[in-house]
Amino acid sequence: MKLQGKIALVTGAGQGIGRGIAEVFAQEGADIVINDLCADERTEQVAETIRAMGRRVLVVKGDVSKRADVERVFDEAQKLGPVDILVNNAGIETIVPFLELTDQQWEDVTNVNLKSEWMCAQAFCKRAIQEGRKGAIINIGSIQAARVLPGRTHYAPSKLAIEALTRNISAEVGQQGIRVNCIHPGLIDTPMIRWVLESPDILPQVVAQISLGRPGLPHEIGQAAAFLASEEASYITGQSLYVDGGWVGK
């Protein structure tokens, strides 16, 4: 198990990609701090699945687009022990035509998708450096960092910016033993894109652009994240990996 003995904090882990990552990390030996906007039936289901694997798990409610919540989430995570791995997965998506996009809609999306990743990464790095510990950060972006889809003039920039965030953080904390990488998922079977998967008109058009000819699964993002978080990727930092079934390259 490549993450044996590690503690991982996964934001937005109540469903979808975050849940997939948390469960794969647990399978690989990590204890898990589940963060989500709500502590409810969804997060408890994830926690029960992880406990059934024999791993320790803690659910911490918090809005990671807010500084006070970020600090509290990391403080509460200490109940399991020092966090070794941070997965910045929390994200939201809305579809709004460019000419109709409001200031509030821009801020809502960029605050969660980009600002939260900066704040969580900063909180993680400050603690790790102060305690003299190494660590790994996995930032979750999106295929839309490279593909143009209508109505995402606010969403796509927030995801492309994560590449720059990843590179710059990695350059500043690499000497302290902290690696920072980014994963850009493609079309993944999650509640966020259920409307695409259930559309007989849209789904075939999207799948036709994917080399592997199918949507991905959350655990497939989890497997890539587990590799990047492990010592198997000890010389990899500042990189952005598209896990998209070949959508970008086709």
C-alpha atoms as a PDB file:
ATOM      1  CA  MET A   1       0.000   0.000   0.000  1.00  0.00           C
ATOM      2  CA  LYS A   2       1.679   3.147  -1.275  1.00  0.00           C
ATOM      3  CA  LEU A   3       0.144   5.546   1.286  1.00  0.00           C
ATOM      4  CA  GLN A   4       0.522   3.401   4.395  1.00  0.00           C
ATOM      5  CA  GLY A   5       0.776   5.498   7.554  1.00  0.00           C
ATOM      6  CA  LYS A   6      -0.178   8.782   5.852  1.00  0.00           C
ATOM      7  CA  ILE A   7      -2.987  11.167   6.762  1.00  0.00           C
ATOM      8  CA  ALA A   8      -4.788  12.785   3.826  1.00  0.00           C
ATOM      9  CA  LEU A   9      -7.190  15.719   3.869  1.00  0.00           C
ATOM     10  CA  VAL A  10      -9.568  15.694   0.877  1.00  0.00           C
ATOM     11  CA  THR A  11     -11.790  18.728   0.337  1.00  0.00           C
ATOM     12  CA  GLY A  12     -15.192  18.249  -1.260  1.00  0.00           C
ATOM     13  CA  ALA A  13     -15.030  14.543  -0.430  1.00  0.00           C
ATOM     14  CA  GLY A  14     -18.741  13.961   0.137  1.00  0.00           C
ATOM     15  CA  GLN A  15     -19.372  12.755  -3.402  1.00  0.00           C
ATOM     16  CA  GLY A  16     -17.975  12.429  -6.909  1.00  0.00           C
ATOM     17  CA  ILE A  17     -14.266  12.753  -7.562  1.00  0.00           C
ATOM     18  CA  GLY A  18     -13.495  13.713  -3.966  1.00  0.00           C
ATOM     19  CA  ARG A  19     -15.146  10.567  -2.671  1.00  0.00           C
ATOM     20  CA  GLY A  20     -13.329   8.469  -5.257  1.00  0.00           C
ATOM     21  CA  ILE A  21      -9.985   9.918  -4.202  1.00  0.00           C
ATOM     22  CA  ALA A  22     -10.697   9.468  -0.490  1.00  0.00           C
ATOM     23  CA  GLU A  23     -11.659   5.823  -0.949  1.00  0.00           C
ATOM     24  CA  VAL A  24      -8.653   4.972  -3.125  1.00  0.00           C
ATOM     25  CA  PHE A  25      -6.338   6.672  -0.634  1.00  0.00           C
ATOM     26  CA  ALA A  26      -7.871   4.574   2.152  1.00  0.00           C
ATOM     27  CA  GLN A  27      -7.365   1.426   0.081  1.00  0.00           C
ATOM     28  CA  GLU A  28      -3.725   2.460  -0.231  1.00  0.00           C
ATOM     29  CA  GLY A  29      -3.354   2.702   3.557  1.00  0.00           C
ATOM     30  CA  ALA A  30      -4.047   6.355   4.360  1.00  0.00           C
ATOM     31  CA  ASP A  31      -6.255   7.656   7.148  1.00  0.00           C
ATOM     32  CA  ILE A  32      -8.677  10.242   5.777  1.00  0.00           C
ATOM     33  CA  VAL A  33     -10.009  13.638   6.801  1.00  0.00           C
ATOM     34  CA  ILE A  34     -13.211  14.169   4.828  1.00  0.00           C
ATOM     35  CA  ASN A  35     -14.050  17.832   4.293  1.00  0.00           C
ATOM     36  CA  ASP A  36     -17.281  18.994   2.735  1.00  0.00           C
ATOM     37  CA  LEU A  37     -19.616  21.948   2.924  1.00  0.00           C
ATOM     38  CA  CYS A  38     -22.071  19.820   4.896  1.00  0.00           C
ATOM     39  CA  ALA A  39     -21.646  16.934   7.312  1.00  0.00           C
ATOM     40  CA  ASP A  40     -24.618  14.819   6.303  1.00  0.00           C
ATOM     41  CA  GLU A  41     -25.705  11.407   5.087  1.00  0.00           C
ATOM     42  CA  ARG A  42     -23.374  11.609   2.085  1.00  0.00           C
ATOM     43  CA  THR A  43     -20.241  12.269   4.114  1.00  0.00           C
ATOM     44  CA  GLU A  44     -21.211   9.618   6.653  1.00  0.00           C
ATOM     45  CA  GLN A  45     -21.557   7.053   3.854  1.00  0.00           C
ATOM     46  CA  VAL A  46     -18.028   7.866   2.710  1.00  0.00           C
ATOM     47  CA  ALA A  47     -16.791   7.647   6.291  1.00  0.00           C
ATOM     48  CA  GLU A  48     -18.438   4.254   6.807  1.00  0.00           C
ATOM     49  CA  THR A  49     -16.868   2.910   3.621  1.00  0.00           C
ATOM     50  CA  ILE A  50     -13.437   4.035   4.808  1.00  0.00           C
ATOM     51  CA  ARG A  51     -13.921   2.632   8.311  1.00  0.00           C
ATOM     52  CA  ALA A  52     -14.851  -0.706   6.741  1.00  0.00           C
ATOM     53  CA  MET A  53     -11.372  -0.733   5.199  1.00  0.00           C
ATOM     54  CA  GLY A  54      -9.873  -0.515   8.683  1.00  0.00           C
ATOM     55  CA  ARG A  55      -8.736   3.074   8.305  1.00  0.00           C
ATOM     56  CA  ARG A  56      -9.291   5.989  10.659  1.00  0.00           C
ATOM     57  CA  VAL A  57     -11.569   8.728   9.329  1.00  0.00           C
ATOM     58  CA  LEU A  58     -12.718  12.155  10.459  1.00  0.00           C
ATOM     59  CA  VAL A  59     -15.483  14.295   8.923  1.00  0.00           C
ATOM     60  CA  VAL A  60     -14.883  18.056   9.182  1.00  0.00           C
ATOM     61  CA  LYS A  61     -17.574  20.408   7.910  1.00  0.00           C
ATOM     62  CA  GLY A  62     -16.289  23.665   6.423  1.00  0.00           C
ATOM     63  CA  ASP A  63     -16.463  26.124   3.539  1.00  0.00           C
ATOM     64  CA  VAL A  64     -12.892  26.191   2.261  1.00  0.00           C
ATOM     65  CA  SER A  65     -13.531  29.370   0.282  1.00  0.00           C
ATOM     66  CA  LYS A  66     -13.440  31.150   3.669  1.00  0.00           C
ATOM     67  CA  ARG A  67     -10.157  31.678   5.518  1.00  0.00           C
ATOM     68  CA  ALA A  68     -11.598  31.075   9.002  1.00  0.00           C
ATOM     69  CA  ASP A  69     -13.071  27.741   7.915  1.00  0.00           C
ATOM     70  CA  VAL A  70      -9.813  26.682   6.277  1.00  0.00           C
ATOM     71  CA  GLU A  71      -7.856  27.269   9.481  1.00  0.00           C
ATOM     72  CA  ARG A  72     -10.486  25.467  11.553  1.00  0.00           C
ATOM     73  CA  VAL A  73     -10.552  22.481   9.193  1.00  0.00           C
ATOM     74  CA  PHE A  74      -6.791  22.047   9.536  1.00  0.00           C
ATOM     75  CA  ASP A  75      -6.949  22.510  13.289  1.00  0.00           C
ATOM     76  CA  GLU A  76      -9.651  19.849  13.623  1.00  0.00           C
ATOM     77  CA  ALA A  77      -7.749  17.508  11.303  1.00  0.00           C
ATOM     78  CA  GLN A  78      -5.057  17.350  13.973  1.00  0.00           C
ATOM     79  CA  LYS A  79      -7.323  14.959  15.882  1.00  0.00           C
ATOM     80  CA  LEU A  80      -6.020  12.288  13.511  1.00  0.00           C
ATOM     81  CA  GLY A  81      -2.497  13.738  13.443  1.00  0.00           C
ATOM     82  CA  PRO A  82      -0.399  15.946  11.156  1.00  0.00           C
ATOM     83  CA  VAL A  83      -1.734  16.030   7.600  1.00  0.00           C
ATOM     84  CA  ASP A  84       0.740  14.551   5.100  1.00  0.00           C
ATOM     85  CA  ILE A  85      -1.321  14.922   1.922  1.00  0.00           C
ATOM     86  CA  LEU A  86      -3.720  17.644   0.831  1.00  0.00           C
ATOM     87  CA  VAL A  87      -6.135  17.098  -2.045  1.00  0.00           C
ATOM     88  CA  ASN A  88      -7.721  20.362  -3.173  1.00  0.00           C
ATOM     89  CA  ASN A  89     -10.847  18.945  -4.783  1.00  0.00           C
ATOM     90  CA  ALA A  90     -13.714  21.218  -3.690  1.00  0.00           C
ATOM     91  CA  GLY A  91     -15.285  22.878  -6.706  1.00  0.00           C
ATOM     92  CA  ILE A  92     -18.486  24.171  -8.234  1.00  0.00           C
ATOM     93  CA  GLU A  93     -19.624  24.702 -11.804  1.00  0.00           C
ATOM     94  CA  THR A  94     -22.375  26.842 -13.269  1.00  0.00           C
ATOM     95  CA  ILE A  95     -23.160  27.433 -16.932  1.00  0.00           C
ATOM     96  CA  VAL A  96     -23.819  31.070 -17.780  1.00  0.00           C
ATOM     97  CA  PRO A  97     -23.508  32.813 -21.178  1.00  0.00           C
ATOM     98  CA  PHE A  98     -20.621  35.290 -21.180  1.00  0.00           C
ATOM     99  CA  LEU A  99     -22.775  38.365 -21.771  1.00  0.00           C
ATOM    100  CA  GLU A 100     -25.062  37.405 -18.886  1.00  0.00           C
ATOM    101  CA  LEU A 101     -22.344  36.584 -16.357  1.00  0.00           C
ATOM    102  CA  THR A 102     -22.624  38.634 -13.152  1.00  0.00           C
ATOM    103  CA  ASP A 103     -19.981  39.741 -10.677  1.00  0.00           C
ATOM    104  CA  GLN A 104     -21.466  37.449  -8.038  1.00  0.00           C
ATOM    105  CA  GLN A 105     -21.463  34.406 -10.330  1.00  0.00           C
ATOM    106  CA  TRP A 106     -17.803  35.044 -11.188  1.00  0.00           C
ATOM    107  CA  GLU A 107     -16.855  35.396  -7.527  1.00  0.00           C
ATOM    108  CA  ASP A 108     -18.837  32.361  -6.382  1.00  0.00           C
ATOM    109  CA  VAL A 109     -17.044  30.066  -8.822  1.00  0.00           C
ATOM    110  CA  THR A 110     -13.532  31.494  -8.572  1.00  0.00           C
ATOM    111  CA  ASN A 111     -13.676  31.667  -4.768  1.00  0.00           C
ATOM    112  CA  VAL A 112     -14.382  27.952  -4.462  1.00  0.00           C
ATOM    113  CA  ASN A 113     -12.369  26.678  -7.429  1.00  0.00           C
ATOM    114  CA  LEU A 114      -9.235  28.801  -7.117  1.00  0.00           C
ATOM    115  CA  LYS A 115      -9.105  30.871  -3.951  1.00  0.00           C
ATOM    116  CA  SER A 116      -9.832  27.830  -1.781  1.00  0.00           C
ATOM    117  CA  GLU A 117      -6.955  25.879  -3.321  1.00  0.00           C
ATOM    118  CA  TRP A 118      -4.547  28.730  -2.606  1.00  0.00           C
ATOM    119  CA  MET A 119      -5.738  29.114   0.999  1.00  0.00           C
ATOM    120  CA  CYS A 120      -5.731  25.389   1.764  1.00  0.00           C
ATOM    121  CA  ALA A 121      -2.302  24.940   0.192  1.00  0.00           C
ATOM    122  CA  GLN A 122      -0.937  27.861   2.189  1.00  0.00           C
ATOM    123  CA  ALA A 123      -2.364  26.542   5.464  1.00  0.00           C
ATOM    124  CA  PHE A 124      -0.975  23.079   4.731  1.00  0.00           C
ATOM    125  CA  CYS A 125       2.495  24.332   3.797  1.00  0.00           C
ATOM    126  CA  LYS A 126       2.821  26.675   6.772  1.00  0.00           C
ATOM    127  CA  ARG A 127       2.091  23.842   9.179  1.00  0.00           C
ATOM    128  CA  ALA A 128       4.319  21.326   7.432  1.00  0.00           C
ATOM    129  CA  ILE A 129       7.295  23.693   7.172  1.00  0.00           C
ATOM    130  CA  GLN A 130       6.938  24.851  10.765  1.00  0.00           C
ATOM    131  CA  GLU A 131       6.961  21.222  11.918  1.00  0.00           C
ATOM    132  CA  GLY A 132       9.772  20.189   9.557  1.00  0.00           C
ATOM    133  CA  ARG A 133       7.634  17.694   7.668  1.00  0.00           C
ATOM    134  CA  LYS A 134       7.532  16.800   3.993  1.00  0.00           C
ATOM    135  CA  GLY A 135       4.227  16.601   2.158  1.00  0.00           C
ATOM    136  CA  ALA A 136       2.309  16.391  -1.085  1.00  0.00           C
ATOM    137  CA  ILE A 137      -0.472  18.525  -2.532  1.00  0.00           C
ATOM    138  CA  ILE A 138      -2.760  17.415  -5.357  1.00  0.00           C
ATOM    139  CA  ASN A 139      -4.785  20.216  -6.938  1.00  0.00           C
ATOM    140  CA  ILE A 140      -7.838  19.201  -8.950  1.00  0.00           C
ATOM    141  CA  GLY A 141      -8.435  21.210 -12.103  1.00  0.00           C
ATOM    142  CA  SER A 142     -10.592  20.316 -15.100  1.00  0.00           C
ATOM    143  CA  ILE A 143     -10.488  19.309 -18.747  1.00  0.00           C
ATOM    144  CA  GLN A 144     -11.831  22.806 -19.345  1.00  0.00           C
ATOM    145  CA  ALA A 145      -8.355  24.169 -18.748  1.00  0.00           C
ATOM    146  CA  ALA A 146      -7.736  22.978 -22.310  1.00  0.00           C
ATOM    147  CA  ARG A 147     -11.146  22.565 -23.948  1.00  0.00           C
ATOM    148  CA  VAL A 148     -13.545  25.400 -24.730  1.00  0.00           C
ATOM    149  CA  LEU A 149     -17.117  24.684 -23.669  1.00  0.00           C
ATOM    150  CA  PRO A 150     -19.873  27.319 -23.931  1.00  0.00           C
ATOM    151  CA  GLY A 151     -21.026  29.116 -20.803  1.00  0.00           C
ATOM    152  CA  ARG A 152     -17.866  28.537 -18.767  1.00  0.00           C
ATOM    153  CA  THR A 153     -16.155  31.930 -19.097  1.00  0.00           C
ATOM    154  CA  HIS A 154     -15.855  32.019 -15.306  1.00  0.00           C
ATOM    155  CA  TYR A 155     -15.296  28.301 -14.675  1.00  0.00           C
ATOM    156  CA  ALA A 156     -12.584  27.588 -17.257  1.00  0.00           C
ATOM    157  CA  PRO A 157     -10.217  30.403 -16.159  1.00  0.00           C
ATOM    158  CA  SER A 158     -10.513  29.241 -12.557  1.00  0.00           C
ATOM    159  CA  LYS A 159      -9.324  25.792 -13.612  1.00  0.00           C
ATOM    160  CA  LEU A 160      -6.570  26.885 -15.987  1.00  0.00           C
ATOM    161  CA  ALA A 161      -5.225  29.183 -13.270  1.00  0.00           C
ATOM    162  CA  ILE A 162      -4.708  26.127 -11.067  1.00  0.00           C
ATOM    163  CA  GLU A 163      -1.844  25.114 -13.375  1.00  0.00           C
ATOM    164  CA  ALA A 164      -0.032  28.376 -12.629  1.00  0.00           C
ATOM    165  CA  LEU A 165      -0.876  28.071  -8.945  1.00  0.00           C
ATOM    166  CA  THR A 166       0.572  24.569  -8.925  1.00  0.00           C
ATOM    167  CA  ARG A 167       3.811  25.565 -10.651  1.00  0.00           C
ATOM    168  CA  ASN A 168       4.413  28.613  -8.493  1.00  0.00           C
ATOM    169  CA  ILE A 169       3.686  26.934  -5.176  1.00  0.00           C
ATOM    170  CA  SER A 170       5.875  23.986  -6.126  1.00  0.00           C
ATOM    171  CA  ALA A 171       8.767  26.300  -6.934  1.00  0.00           C
ATOM    172  CA  GLU A 172       8.564  27.995  -3.537  1.00  0.00           C
ATOM    173  CA  VAL A 173       8.137  24.957  -1.286  1.00  0.00           C
ATOM    174  CA  GLY A 174      10.105  22.283  -3.114  1.00  0.00           C
ATOM    175  CA  GLN A 175      13.234  22.931  -1.059  1.00  0.00           C
ATOM    176  CA  GLN A 176      11.170  22.175   2.052  1.00  0.00           C
ATOM    177  CA  GLY A 177      10.223  18.758   0.701  1.00  0.00           C
ATOM    178  CA  ILE A 178       6.668  19.564  -0.391  1.00  0.00           C
ATOM    179  CA  ARG A 179       5.604  18.429  -3.853  1.00  0.00           C
ATOM    180  CA  VAL A 180       2.661  20.049  -5.648  1.00  0.00           C
ATOM    181  CA  ASN A 181       0.930  18.637  -8.716  1.00  0.00           C
ATOM    182  CA  CYS A 182      -2.353  19.084 -10.568  1.00  0.00           C
ATOM    183  CA  ILE A 183      -4.815  16.626 -12.108  1.00  0.00           C
ATOM    184  CA  HIS A 184      -7.230  17.758 -14.816  1.00  0.00           C
ATOM    185  CA  PRO A 185     -10.101  15.224 -14.940  1.00  0.00           C
ATOM    186  CA  GLY A 186     -12.072  14.747 -18.121  1.00  0.00           C
ATOM    187  CA  LEU A 187     -15.689  13.552 -18.329  1.00  0.00           C
ATOM    188  CA  ILE A 188     -16.057  11.679 -15.037  1.00  0.00           C
ATOM    189  CA  ASP A 189     -19.221   9.912 -13.862  1.00  0.00           C
ATOM    190  CA  THR A 190     -20.203  12.188 -10.984  1.00  0.00           C
ATOM    191  CA  PRO A 191     -23.369  13.989  -9.832  1.00  0.00           C
ATOM    192  CA  MET A 192     -21.973  17.266 -11.222  1.00  0.00           C
ATOM    193  CA  ILE A 193     -22.236  16.055 -14.818  1.00  0.00           C
ATOM    194  CA  ARG A 194     -25.153  13.662 -14.415  1.00  0.00           C
ATOM    195  CA  TRP A 195     -27.174  15.825 -16.812  1.00  0.00           C
ATOM    196  CA  VAL A 196     -24.611  15.071 -19.540  1.00  0.00           C
ATOM    197  CA  LEU A 197     -24.528  11.348 -18.846  1.00  0.00           C
ATOM    198  CA  GLU A 198     -28.318  11.125 -18.970  1.00  0.00           C
ATOM    199  CA  SER A 199     -28.719  13.134 -22.179  1.00  0.00           C
ATOM    200  CA  PRO A 200     -29.211  10.954 -25.300  1.00  0.00           C
ATOM    201  CA  ASP A 201     -28.241  13.940 -27.444  1.00  0.00           C
ATOM    202  CA  ILE A 202     -25.224  15.390 -25.616  1.00  0.00           C
ATOM    203  CA  LEU A 203     -23.479  12.264 -24.292  1.00  0.00           C
ATOM    204  CA  PRO A 204     -22.728  10.622 -27.682  1.00  0.00           C
ATOM    205  CA  GLN A 205     -21.250  13.901 -28.972  1.00  0.00           C
ATOM    206  CA  VAL A 206     -18.909  14.176 -26.001  1.00  0.00           C
ATOM    207  CA  VAL A 207     -17.894  10.505 -25.924  1.00  0.00           C
ATOM    208  CA  ALA A 208     -17.059  10.686 -29.642  1.00  0.00           C
ATOM    209  CA  GLN A 209     -14.294  13.144 -28.730  1.00  0.00           C
ATOM    210  CA  ILE A 210     -12.730  10.808 -26.153  1.00  0.00           C
ATOM    211  CA  SER A 211     -10.133   8.340 -27.427  1.00  0.00           C
ATOM    212  CA  LEU A 212     -11.157   5.613 -24.962  1.00  0.00           C
ATOM    213  CA  GLY A 213     -14.798   6.090 -25.932  1.00  0.00           C
ATOM    214  CA  ARG A 214     -16.297   6.317 -22.429  1.00  0.00           C
ATOM    215  CA  PRO A 215     -16.616   8.512 -19.341  1.00  0.00           C
ATOM    216  CA  GLY A 216     -14.097   7.983 -16.575  1.00  0.00           C
ATOM    217  CA  LEU A 217     -14.831   6.849 -13.029  1.00  0.00           C
ATOM    218  CA  PRO A 218     -13.985   8.683  -9.797  1.00  0.00           C
ATOM    219  CA  HIS A 219     -11.641   5.928  -8.635  1.00  0.00           C
ATOM    220  CA  GLU A 220      -9.586   6.378 -11.811  1.00  0.00           C
ATOM    221  CA  ILE A 221      -8.847   9.938 -10.730  1.00  0.00           C
ATOM    222  CA  GLY A 222      -8.133   8.541  -7.260  1.00  0.00           C
ATOM    223  CA  GLN A 223      -5.539   6.142  -8.658  1.00  0.00           C
ATOM    224  CA  ALA A 224      -3.696   8.948 -10.429  1.00  0.00           C
ATOM    225  CA  ALA A 225      -3.851  11.083  -7.285  1.00  0.00           C
ATOM    226  CA  ALA A 226      -2.546   8.237  -5.121  1.00  0.00           C
ATOM    227  CA  PHE A 227       0.449   7.856  -7.417  1.00  0.00           C
ATOM    228  CA  LEU A 228       1.264  11.565  -7.327  1.00  0.00           C
ATOM    229  CA  ALA A 229       0.878  11.626  -3.536  1.00  0.00           C
ATOM    230  CA  SER A 230       3.164   8.637  -3.019  1.00  0.00           C
ATOM    231  CA  GLU A 231       6.918   8.173  -2.974  1.00  0.00           C
ATOM    232  CA  GLU A 232       6.597   6.572  -6.403  1.00  0.00           C
ATOM    233  CA  ALA A 233       6.301  10.172  -7.665  1.00  0.00           C
ATOM    234  CA  SER A 234       9.141  11.498  -5.487  1.00  0.00           C
ATOM    235  CA  TYR A 235      10.736  13.424  -8.395  1.00  0.00           C
ATOM    236  CA  ILE A 236       7.525  14.843  -9.821  1.00  0.00           C
ATOM    237  CA  THR A 237       6.386  18.339  -8.879  1.00  0.00           C
ATOM    238  CA  GLY A 238       4.866  21.369 -10.580  1.00  0.00           C
ATOM    239  CA  GLN A 239       3.165  19.183 -13.190  1.00  0.00           C
ATOM    240  CA  SER A 240      -0.374  19.072 -14.585  1.00  0.00           C
ATOM    241  CA  LEU A 241      -1.705  15.687 -15.674  1.00  0.00           C
ATOM    242  CA  TYR A 242      -4.776  15.258 -17.870  1.00  0.00           C
ATOM    243  CA  VAL A 243      -6.711  12.149 -16.820  1.00  0.00           C
ATOM    244  CA  ASP A 244      -9.310  12.396 -19.548  1.00  0.00           C
ATOM    245  CA  GLY A 245      -9.328   9.205 -21.608  1.00  0.00           C
ATOM    246  CA  GLY A 246      -7.518  11.046 -24.403  1.00  0.00           C
ATOM    247  CA  TRP A 247     -10.037  13.865 -24.831  1.00  0.00           C
ATOM    248  CA  VAL A 248      -7.467  16.662 -25.081  1.00  0.00           C
ATOM    249  CA  GLY A 249      -5.184  14.752 -27.421  1.00  0.00           C
ATOM    250  CA  LYS A 250      -7.849  13.643 -29.882  1.00  0.00           C
END
